[in-house]
C-alpha atoms as a PDB file:
ATOM      1  CA  MET A   1     134.783 208.329 174.479  1.00  0.00           C
ATOM      2  CA  LYS A   2     135.903 205.456 172.187  1.00  0.00           C
ATOM      3  CA  PHE A   3     137.361 202.640 174.319  1.00  0.00           C
ATOM      4  CA  PHE A   4     138.394 200.396 171.423  1.00  0.00           C
ATOM      5  CA  ASP A   5     138.724 200.503 167.683  1.00  0.00           C
ATOM      6  CA  GLU A   6     135.776 198.475 166.433  1.00  0.00           C
ATOM      7  CA  ASP A   7     137.064 198.300 162.834  1.00  0.00           C
ATOM      8  CA  LYS A   8     140.501 197.102 163.954  1.00  0.00           C
ATOM      9  CA  TYR A   9     138.862 194.419 166.131  1.00  0.00           C
ATOM     10  CA  LYS A  10     136.732 193.236 163.220  1.00  0.00           C
ATOM     11  CA  ASN A  11     139.694 193.121 160.844  1.00  0.00           C
ATOM     12  CA  MET A  12     141.851 191.114 163.250  1.00  0.00           C
ATOM     13  CA  TYR A  13     138.927 188.754 163.747  1.00  0.00           C
ATOM     14  CA  ILE A  14     139.035 188.084 159.999  1.00  0.00           C
ATOM     15  CA  ILE A  15     142.706 187.129 160.312  1.00  0.00           C
ATOM     16  CA  LYS A  16     141.880 184.818 163.206  1.00  0.00           C
ATOM     17  CA  ASN A  17     139.155 183.109 161.162  1.00  0.00           C
ATOM     18  CA  ILE A  18     141.510 182.610 158.233  1.00  0.00           C
ATOM     19  CA  LYS A  19     144.086 180.946 160.466  1.00  0.00           C
ATOM     20  CA  GLN A  20     141.452 178.682 162.015  1.00  0.00           C
ATOM     21  CA  GLU A  21     140.054 177.659 158.627  1.00  0.00           C
ATOM     22  CA  LEU A  22     143.537 176.857 157.304  1.00  0.00           C
ATOM     23  CA  LYS A  23     144.190 174.638 160.331  1.00  0.00           C
ATOM     24  CA  GLN A  24     140.929 172.789 159.640  1.00  0.00           C
ATOM     25  CA  LYS A  25     141.933 172.074 156.049  1.00  0.00           C
ATOM     26  CA  ILE A  26     145.386 170.571 156.685  1.00  0.00           C
ATOM     27  CA  ASP A  27     146.287 167.604 154.479  1.00  0.00           C
ATOM     28  CA  LEU A  28     149.301 165.890 156.067  1.00  0.00           C
ATOM     29  CA  GLU A  29     150.158 163.849 152.993  1.00  0.00           C
ATOM     30  CA  TYR A  30     150.100 166.965 150.817  1.00  0.00           C
ATOM     31  CA  LYS A  31     152.172 168.817 153.436  1.00  0.00           C
ATOM     32  CA  GLN A  32     154.942 166.242 153.371  1.00  0.00           C
ATOM     33  CA  GLY A  33     155.037 166.234 149.585  1.00  0.00           C
ATOM     34  CA  SER A  34     155.184 170.037 149.467  1.00  0.00           C
ATOM     35  CA  VAL A  35     158.144 170.216 151.846  1.00  0.00           C
ATOM     36  CA  ASN A  36     160.172 168.178 149.372  1.00  0.00           C
ATOM     37  CA  PHE A  37     160.000 171.003 146.815  1.00  0.00           C
ATOM     38  CA  PHE A  38     162.100 173.312 148.988  1.00  0.00           C
ATOM     39  CA  LYS A  39     165.755 173.182 149.984  1.00  0.00           C
ATOM     40  CA  GLU A  40     165.331 175.707 152.780  1.00  0.00           C
ATOM     41  CA  PRO A  41     163.145 175.234 155.896  1.00  0.00           C
ATOM     42  CA  ILE A  42     159.587 176.465 155.300  1.00  0.00           C
ATOM     43  CA  LYS A  43     156.433 177.004 157.308  1.00  0.00           C
ATOM     44  CA  LEU A  44     153.406 175.240 155.873  1.00  0.00           C
ATOM     45  CA  TYR A  45     149.988 174.341 157.178  1.00  0.00           C
ATOM     46  CA  GLY A  46     149.720 171.782 154.387  1.00  0.00           C
ATOM     47  CA  VAL A  47     146.570 173.081 152.667  1.00  0.00           C
ATOM     48  CA  ARG A  48     146.079 172.365 148.953  1.00  0.00           C
ATOM     49  CA  THR A  49     146.281 175.343 146.597  1.00  0.00           C
ATOM     50  CA  PRO A  50     142.629 175.253 145.380  1.00  0.00           C
ATOM     51  CA  VAL A  51     141.468 175.306 148.997  1.00  0.00           C
ATOM     52  CA  VAL A  52     143.739 178.236 149.818  1.00  0.00           C
ATOM     53  CA  LYS A  53     142.316 180.128 146.833  1.00  0.00           C
ATOM     54  CA  LYS A  54     138.758 179.505 148.041  1.00  0.00           C
ATOM     55  CA  ILE A  55     139.617 180.814 151.493  1.00  0.00           C
ATOM     56  CA  ALA A  56     141.310 183.882 149.960  1.00  0.00           C
ATOM     57  CA  ASN A  57     138.264 184.648 147.839  1.00  0.00           C
ATOM     58  CA  LYS A  58     135.840 184.061 150.703  1.00  0.00           C
ATOM     59  CA  TYR A  59     137.478 186.548 153.072  1.00  0.00           C
ATOM     60  CA  PHE A  60     138.362 189.083 150.413  1.00  0.00           C
ATOM     61  CA  LYS A  61     134.650 189.796 150.133  1.00  0.00           C
ATOM     62  CA  GLU A  62     134.826 191.051 153.711  1.00  0.00           C
ATOM     63  CA  VAL A  63     137.795 193.380 153.195  1.00  0.00           C
ATOM     64  CA  LYS A  64     137.552 194.609 149.586  1.00  0.00           C
ATOM     65  CA  ASN A  65     135.663 197.787 150.452  1.00  0.00           C
ATOM     66  CA  LEU A  66     138.143 198.878 153.142  1.00  0.00           C
ATOM     67  CA  GLU A  67     140.518 201.760 152.550  1.00  0.00           C
ATOM     68  CA  LYS A  68     143.695 200.672 150.811  1.00  0.00           C
ATOM     69  CA  LYS A  69     145.851 201.335 153.865  1.00  0.00           C
ATOM     70  CA  GLU A  70     143.612 199.060 155.965  1.00  0.00           C
ATOM     71  CA  ILE A  71     143.876 196.266 153.405  1.00  0.00           C
ATOM     72  CA  PHE A  72     147.640 196.741 153.446  1.00  0.00           C
ATOM     73  CA  LYS A  73     147.643 196.253 157.229  1.00  0.00           C
ATOM     74  CA  LEU A  74     145.778 192.971 156.889  1.00  0.00           C
ATOM     75  CA  ILE A  75     148.060 191.823 154.084  1.00  0.00           C
ATOM     76  CA  GLU A  76     151.146 192.541 156.153  1.00  0.00           C
ATOM     77  CA  GLU A  77     149.665 190.756 159.146  1.00  0.00           C
ATOM     78  CA  LEU A  78     149.209 187.632 157.023  1.00  0.00           C
ATOM     79  CA  MET A  79     152.716 187.888 155.591  1.00  0.00           C
ATOM     80  CA  ARG A  80     154.237 188.355 159.015  1.00  0.00           C
ATOM     81  CA  SER A  81     153.300 184.801 160.045  1.00  0.00           C
ATOM     82  CA  ASN A  82     155.695 183.402 157.391  1.00  0.00           C
ATOM     83  CA  TYR A  83     153.289 180.567 156.563  1.00  0.00           C
ATOM     84  CA  ASN A  84     153.190 179.920 152.830  1.00  0.00           C
ATOM     85  CA  GLU A  85     149.427 179.682 152.730  1.00  0.00           C
ATOM     86  CA  GLU A  86     148.910 182.978 154.574  1.00  0.00           C
ATOM     87  CA  PHE A  87     151.446 184.661 152.312  1.00  0.00           C
ATOM     88  CA  SER A  88     149.586 183.259 149.304  1.00  0.00           C
ATOM     89  CA  ILE A  89     146.305 184.745 150.560  1.00  0.00           C
ATOM     90  CA  ALA A  90     148.034 188.076 151.145  1.00  0.00           C
ATOM     91  CA  SER A  91     149.491 188.082 147.633  1.00  0.00           C
ATOM     92  CA  SER A  92     146.121 187.163 146.192  1.00  0.00           C
ATOM     93  CA  TRP A  93     144.431 190.088 147.954  1.00  0.00           C
ATOM     94  CA  LEU A  94     147.127 192.470 146.797  1.00  0.00           C
ATOM     95  CA  TYR A  95     146.643 191.382 143.188  1.00  0.00           C
ATOM     96  CA  LYS A  96     142.890 191.767 143.506  1.00  0.00           C
ATOM     97  CA  ILE A  97     143.392 195.458 144.350  1.00  0.00           C
ATOM     98  CA  ARG A  98     146.126 195.973 141.745  1.00  0.00           C
ATOM     99  CA  GLY A  99     144.111 198.736 140.090  1.00  0.00           C
ATOM    100  CA  ARG A 100     144.428 200.739 143.310  1.00  0.00           C
ATOM    101  CA  LEU A 101     148.222 200.384 143.502  1.00  0.00           C
ATOM    102  CA  ASP A 102     150.273 203.418 142.682  1.00  0.00           C
ATOM    103  CA  ASN A 103     153.823 204.691 142.459  1.00  0.00           C
ATOM    104  CA  ASP A 104     153.774 205.815 146.085  1.00  0.00           C
ATOM    105  CA  ASP A 105     153.147 202.215 147.207  1.00  0.00           C
ATOM    106  CA  PHE A 106     156.509 200.998 145.920  1.00  0.00           C
ATOM    107  CA  PRO A 107     158.492 201.635 149.154  1.00  0.00           C
ATOM    108  CA  LEU A 108     156.042 199.551 151.188  1.00  0.00           C
ATOM    109  CA  LEU A 109     155.658 196.746 148.655  1.00  0.00           C
ATOM    110  CA  SER A 110     159.409 196.506 148.078  1.00  0.00           C
ATOM    111  CA  SER A 111     159.992 196.394 151.848  1.00  0.00           C
ATOM    112  CA  TRP A 112     157.758 193.319 151.984  1.00  0.00           C
ATOM    113  CA  VAL A 113     160.092 191.568 149.520  1.00  0.00           C
ATOM    114  CA  LYS A 114     162.990 192.155 151.898  1.00  0.00           C
ATOM    115  CA  LYS A 115     161.137 191.419 155.145  1.00  0.00           C
ATOM    116  CA  TYR A 116     158.761 188.574 154.418  1.00  0.00           C
ATOM    117  CA  ILE A 117     159.829 186.542 151.368  1.00  0.00           C
ATOM    118  CA  THR A 118     161.764 183.480 152.512  1.00  0.00           C
ATOM    119  CA  ASN A 119     161.388 180.968 149.679  1.00  0.00           C
ATOM    120  CA  TRP A 120     161.040 180.810 145.898  1.00  0.00           C
ATOM    121  CA  ALA A 121     157.280 180.126 145.951  1.00  0.00           C
ATOM    122  CA  MET A 122     156.587 183.332 147.870  1.00  0.00           C
ATOM    123  CA  CYS A 123     158.952 185.296 145.641  1.00  0.00           C
ATOM    124  CA  ASP A 124     157.434 184.060 142.383  1.00  0.00           C
ATOM    125  CA  ASP A 125     153.800 184.418 143.459  1.00  0.00           C
ATOM    126  CA  TYR A 126     154.303 187.954 144.732  1.00  0.00           C
ATOM    127  CA  CYS A 127     156.596 189.263 141.989  1.00  0.00           C
ATOM    128  CA  THR A 128     154.968 187.798 138.875  1.00  0.00           C
ATOM    129  CA  HIS A 129     151.606 189.156 140.004  1.00  0.00           C
ATOM    130  CA  ALA A 130     151.053 192.269 142.165  1.00  0.00           C
ATOM    131  CA  PHE A 131     154.622 193.523 142.426  1.00  0.00           C
ATOM    132  CA  GLY A 132     155.336 193.027 138.726  1.00  0.00           C
ATOM    133  CA  TYR A 133     152.050 194.739 137.897  1.00  0.00           C
ATOM    134  CA  LEU A 134     153.021 197.778 139.955  1.00  0.00           C
ATOM    135  CA  ILE A 135     156.455 197.950 138.325  1.00  0.00           C
ATOM    136  CA  TYR A 136     155.037 197.969 134.826  1.00  0.00           C
ATOM    137  CA  LYS A 137     152.209 200.319 135.725  1.00  0.00           C
ATOM    138  CA  HIS A 138     154.928 202.912 136.383  1.00  0.00           C
ATOM    139  CA  PRO A 139     157.920 201.609 134.437  1.00  0.00           C
ATOM    140  CA  ASN A 140     159.793 204.860 134.011  1.00  0.00           C
ATOM    141  CA  GLN A 141     159.759 205.567 137.741  1.00  0.00           C
ATOM    142  CA  LEU A 142     160.078 202.056 139.137  1.00  0.00           C
ATOM    143  CA  ILE A 143     162.252 199.978 136.800  1.00  0.00           C
ATOM    144  CA  PRO A 144     165.358 202.031 137.749  1.00  0.00           C
ATOM    145  CA  LYS A 145     164.585 201.227 141.399  1.00  0.00           C
ATOM    146  CA  LEU A 146     164.021 197.553 140.590  1.00  0.00           C
ATOM    147  CA  LYS A 147     167.464 197.397 138.971  1.00  0.00           C
ATOM    148  CA  GLN A 148     168.990 198.005 142.402  1.00  0.00           C
ATOM    149  CA  PHE A 149     167.601 194.651 143.532  1.00  0.00           C
ATOM    150  CA  ALA A 150     170.246 192.875 141.430  1.00  0.00           C
ATOM    151  CA  LYS A 151     172.937 194.337 143.710  1.00  0.00           C
ATOM    152  CA  SER A 152     171.407 193.012 146.929  1.00  0.00           C
ATOM    153  CA  SER A 153     173.014 190.383 149.142  1.00  0.00           C
ATOM    154  CA  ASN A 154     169.567 188.853 149.732  1.00  0.00           C
ATOM    155  CA  ARG A 155     168.920 185.926 147.357  1.00  0.00           C
ATOM    156  CA  TRP A 156     165.164 186.588 147.243  1.00  0.00           C
ATOM    157  CA  VAL A 157     165.614 190.267 146.487  1.00  0.00           C
ATOM    158  CA  LYS A 158     167.920 189.356 143.602  1.00  0.00           C
ATOM    159  CA  ARG A 159     165.448 186.786 142.296  1.00  0.00           C
ATOM    160  CA  ALA A 160     162.648 189.356 142.663  1.00  0.00           C
ATOM    161  CA  GLY A 161     164.654 191.761 140.519  1.00  0.00           C
ATOM    162  CA  ALA A 162     164.447 189.206 137.706  1.00  0.00           C
ATOM    163  CA  VAL A 163     161.046 187.550 137.997  1.00  0.00           C
ATOM    164  CA  SER A 164     159.197 190.870 138.379  1.00  0.00           C
ATOM    165  CA  HIS A 165     159.905 191.344 134.664  1.00  0.00           C
ATOM    166  CA  ILE A 166     157.797 188.305 133.806  1.00  0.00           C
ATOM    167  CA  HIS A 167     154.406 189.953 134.367  1.00  0.00           C
ATOM    168  CA  PRO A 168     154.281 191.932 131.097  1.00  0.00           C
ATOM    169  CA  THR A 169     155.125 188.840 129.025  1.00  0.00           C
ATOM    170  CA  LYS A 170     151.923 187.072 130.095  1.00  0.00           C
ATOM    171  CA  GLN A 171     149.045 186.799 127.619  1.00  0.00           C
ATOM    172  CA  SER A 172     146.744 188.359 130.215  1.00  0.00           C
ATOM    173  CA  SER A 173     149.003 191.295 131.064  1.00  0.00           C
ATOM    174  CA  PRO A 174     147.697 194.736 130.099  1.00  0.00           C
ATOM    175  CA  PHE A 175     151.341 195.782 129.585  1.00  0.00           C
ATOM    176  CA  ARG A 176     152.256 193.170 126.978  1.00  0.00           C
ATOM    177  CA  LYS A 177     151.533 195.482 124.026  1.00  0.00           C
ATOM    178  CA  ASN A 178     153.665 198.183 125.647  1.00  0.00           C
ATOM    179  CA  ILE A 179     156.767 196.020 125.782  1.00  0.00           C
ATOM    180  CA  GLU A 180     156.147 194.804 122.253  1.00  0.00           C
ATOM    181  CA  LYS A 181     156.064 198.429 121.087  1.00  0.00           C
ATOM    182  CA  ASN A 182     159.118 199.295 123.195  1.00  0.00           C
ATOM    183  CA  LYS A 183     161.075 196.117 122.566  1.00  0.00           C
ATOM    184  CA  GLN A 184     164.540 197.633 122.847  1.00  0.00           C
ATOM    185  CA  LYS A 185     163.736 199.327 126.172  1.00  0.00           C
ATOM    186  CA  TYR A 186     162.384 196.075 127.628  1.00  0.00           C
ATOM    187  CA  LEU A 187     165.329 194.019 126.401  1.00  0.00           C
ATOM    188  CA  LYS A 188     167.795 196.590 127.690  1.00  0.00           C
ATOM    189  CA  ASP A 189     166.214 196.361 131.145  1.00  0.00           C
ATOM    190  CA  ILE A 190     166.120 192.572 131.377  1.00  0.00           C
ATOM    191  CA  PHE A 191     169.619 192.192 129.940  1.00  0.00           C
ATOM    192  CA  TYR A 192     170.842 194.608 132.620  1.00  0.00           C
ATOM    193  CA  ILE A 193     169.404 192.300 135.278  1.00  0.00           C
ATOM    194  CA  ALA A 194     170.772 189.183 133.572  1.00  0.00           C
ATOM    195  CA  ASP A 195     174.231 190.750 133.243  1.00  0.00           C
ATOM    196  CA  ASN A 196     174.311 191.661 136.918  1.00  0.00           C
ATOM    197  CA  LEU A 197     173.145 188.241 138.062  1.00  0.00           C
ATOM    198  CA  LEU A 198     174.985 186.269 135.387  1.00  0.00           C
ATOM    199  CA  LEU A 199     177.683 184.725 137.572  1.00  0.00           C
ATOM    200  CA  ASP A 200     175.719 184.539 140.809  1.00  0.00           C
ATOM    201  CA  ALA A 201     176.563 181.271 142.556  1.00  0.00           C
ATOM    202  CA  ASP A 202     173.027 180.777 143.949  1.00  0.00           C
ATOM    203  CA  ASP A 203     171.123 178.317 141.766  1.00  0.00           C
ATOM    204  CA  LEU A 204     167.772 179.883 142.716  1.00  0.00           C
ATOM    205  CA  VAL A 205     169.014 183.253 141.497  1.00  0.00           C
ATOM    206  CA  GLN A 206     170.280 181.581 138.307  1.00  0.00           C
ATOM    207  CA  LYS A 207     166.897 179.926 137.796  1.00  0.00           C
ATOM    208  CA  GLY A 208     165.198 183.264 138.430  1.00  0.00           C
ATOM    209  CA  TYR A 209     166.980 185.220 135.696  1.00  0.00           C
ATOM    210  CA  GLY A 210     166.902 182.141 133.439  1.00  0.00           C
ATOM    211  CA  TRP A 211     163.129 182.052 133.848  1.00  0.00           C
ATOM    212  CA  MET A 212     162.929 185.769 133.069  1.00  0.00           C
ATOM    213  CA  LEU A 213     164.813 185.180 129.798  1.00  0.00           C
ATOM    214  CA  LYS A 214     162.684 182.144 128.967  1.00  0.00           C
ATOM    215  CA  GLU A 215     159.428 184.080 129.249  1.00  0.00           C
ATOM    216  CA  ALA A 216     160.893 186.956 127.237  1.00  0.00           C
ATOM    217  CA  SER A 217     161.764 184.445 124.506  1.00  0.00           C
ATOM    218  CA  ASN A 218     158.014 183.927 123.922  1.00  0.00           C
ATOM    219  CA  LEU A 219     158.004 187.387 122.356  1.00  0.00           C
ATOM    220  CA  PHE A 220     161.622 188.011 121.422  1.00  0.00           C
ATOM    221  CA  GLU A 221     163.089 184.608 120.665  1.00  0.00           C
ATOM    222  CA  LYS A 222     165.856 185.754 118.319  1.00  0.00           C
ATOM    223  CA  ASP A 223     167.059 188.470 120.705  1.00  0.00           C
ATOM    224  CA  ILE A 224     167.109 186.137 123.700  1.00  0.00           C
ATOM    225  CA  PHE A 225     168.853 183.426 121.697  1.00  0.00           C
ATOM    226  CA  ASN A 226     171.534 185.877 120.567  1.00  0.00           C
ATOM    227  CA  TYR A 227     172.008 187.037 124.161  1.00  0.00           C
ATOM    228  CA  VAL A 228     172.407 183.466 125.409  1.00  0.00           C
ATOM    229  CA  ILE A 229     174.890 182.660 122.646  1.00  0.00           C
ATOM    230  CA  SER A 230     176.916 185.753 123.514  1.00  0.00           C
ATOM    231  CA  LYS A 231     177.108 184.633 127.175  1.00  0.00           C
ATOM    232  CA  LYS A 232     177.164 180.847 126.828  1.00  0.00           C
ATOM    233  CA  LYS A 233     180.864 180.488 127.675  1.00  0.00           C
ATOM    234  CA  ILE A 234     180.334 181.985 131.113  1.00  0.00           C
ATOM    235  CA  MET A 235     176.602 181.567 131.804  1.00  0.00           C
ATOM    236  CA  PRO A 236     175.917 178.822 134.382  1.00  0.00           C
ATOM    237  CA  ARG A 237     174.298 175.794 132.718  1.00  0.00           C
ATOM    238  CA  THR A 238     171.337 176.009 135.086  1.00  0.00           C
ATOM    239  CA  ALA A 239     170.448 179.502 133.888  1.00  0.00           C
ATOM    240  CA  LEU A 240     171.176 178.612 130.260  1.00  0.00           C
ATOM    241  CA  ARG A 241     168.864 175.596 130.299  1.00  0.00           C
ATOM    242  CA  TYR A 242     166.058 177.660 131.800  1.00  0.00           C
ATOM    243  CA  ALA A 243     166.539 180.456 129.259  1.00  0.00           C
ATOM    244  CA  ILE A 244     166.276 178.181 126.185  1.00  0.00           C
ATOM    245  CA  GLU A 245     163.602 175.835 127.485  1.00  0.00           C
ATOM    246  CA  LYS A 246     160.849 177.061 125.140  1.00  0.00           C
ATOM    247  CA  MET A 247     163.031 177.402 122.048  1.00  0.00           C
ATOM    248  CA  PRO A 248     162.967 175.028 119.057  1.00  0.00           C
ATOM    249  CA  THR A 249     165.186 171.941 119.306  1.00  0.00           C
ATOM    250  CA  LYS A 250     167.605 173.297 116.706  1.00  0.00           C
ATOM    251  CA  LEU A 251     168.259 176.460 118.719  1.00  0.00           C
ATOM    252  CA  LYS A 252     168.559 174.488 121.966  1.00  0.00           C
ATOM    253  CA  LYS A 253     171.260 172.293 120.463  1.00  0.00           C
ATOM    254  CA  GLN A 254     173.200 175.329 119.273  1.00  0.00           C
ATOM    255  CA  ALA A 255     172.979 176.958 122.670  1.00  0.00           C
ATOM    256  CA  MET A 256     174.008 173.800 124.561  1.00  0.00           C
ATOM    257  CA  ALA A 257     176.863 172.864 122.230  1.00  0.00           C
ATOM    258  CA  LYS A 258     180.275 173.319 123.847  1.00  0.00           C
END
């Protein structure tokens, strides 16, 4: 007769060790400086990013060979604490197993957006890496579902609906060539998001879709510029400035001119 689950005990011990190590690496000066980057209340240990990455890599070695569902349980346990550093480790682990993510994982991963993301740093880390990867691994099935995010009342879900489109614009993304070959499809999808979030009053939502447009301008500058010009009379200046940030000075002046 099995009195306790030895694997579950071992896995939760890993979580305990991560929490203890984070507490040992607290930098109070860094913590205070980090708090100033957020408007909303946040939970931070106050551990510098390079240290958090080292801890993530150290303990991933102990979990990488587990079944995917077991890794998911550990990831969710870390996210549940709502500490930025633990969420960062969870996001890192999820991205490390991105090759094992599949279409059927979308309901769970999208539920984490709604349940556990409580600030822009969490949203951007999660959505421009693992979540964005999953979306563009199965674009035909998942982009229509992602479009629904723009209609949410949750600011982080709306921002997620935009910044998840950033992943394929990265130099390192395996999907970059796909969106270059299917330019009109990609632009149609991101313009749908931008249109639906265009007049949102939340500046962090505005910055989110503005950032999405900015990264798309790396590949499709003329198309993004034309879109901005077509919306400039109603687009909030915050979103507009983000969208044109990487454009040549001449185009910036045209876009900003009243």
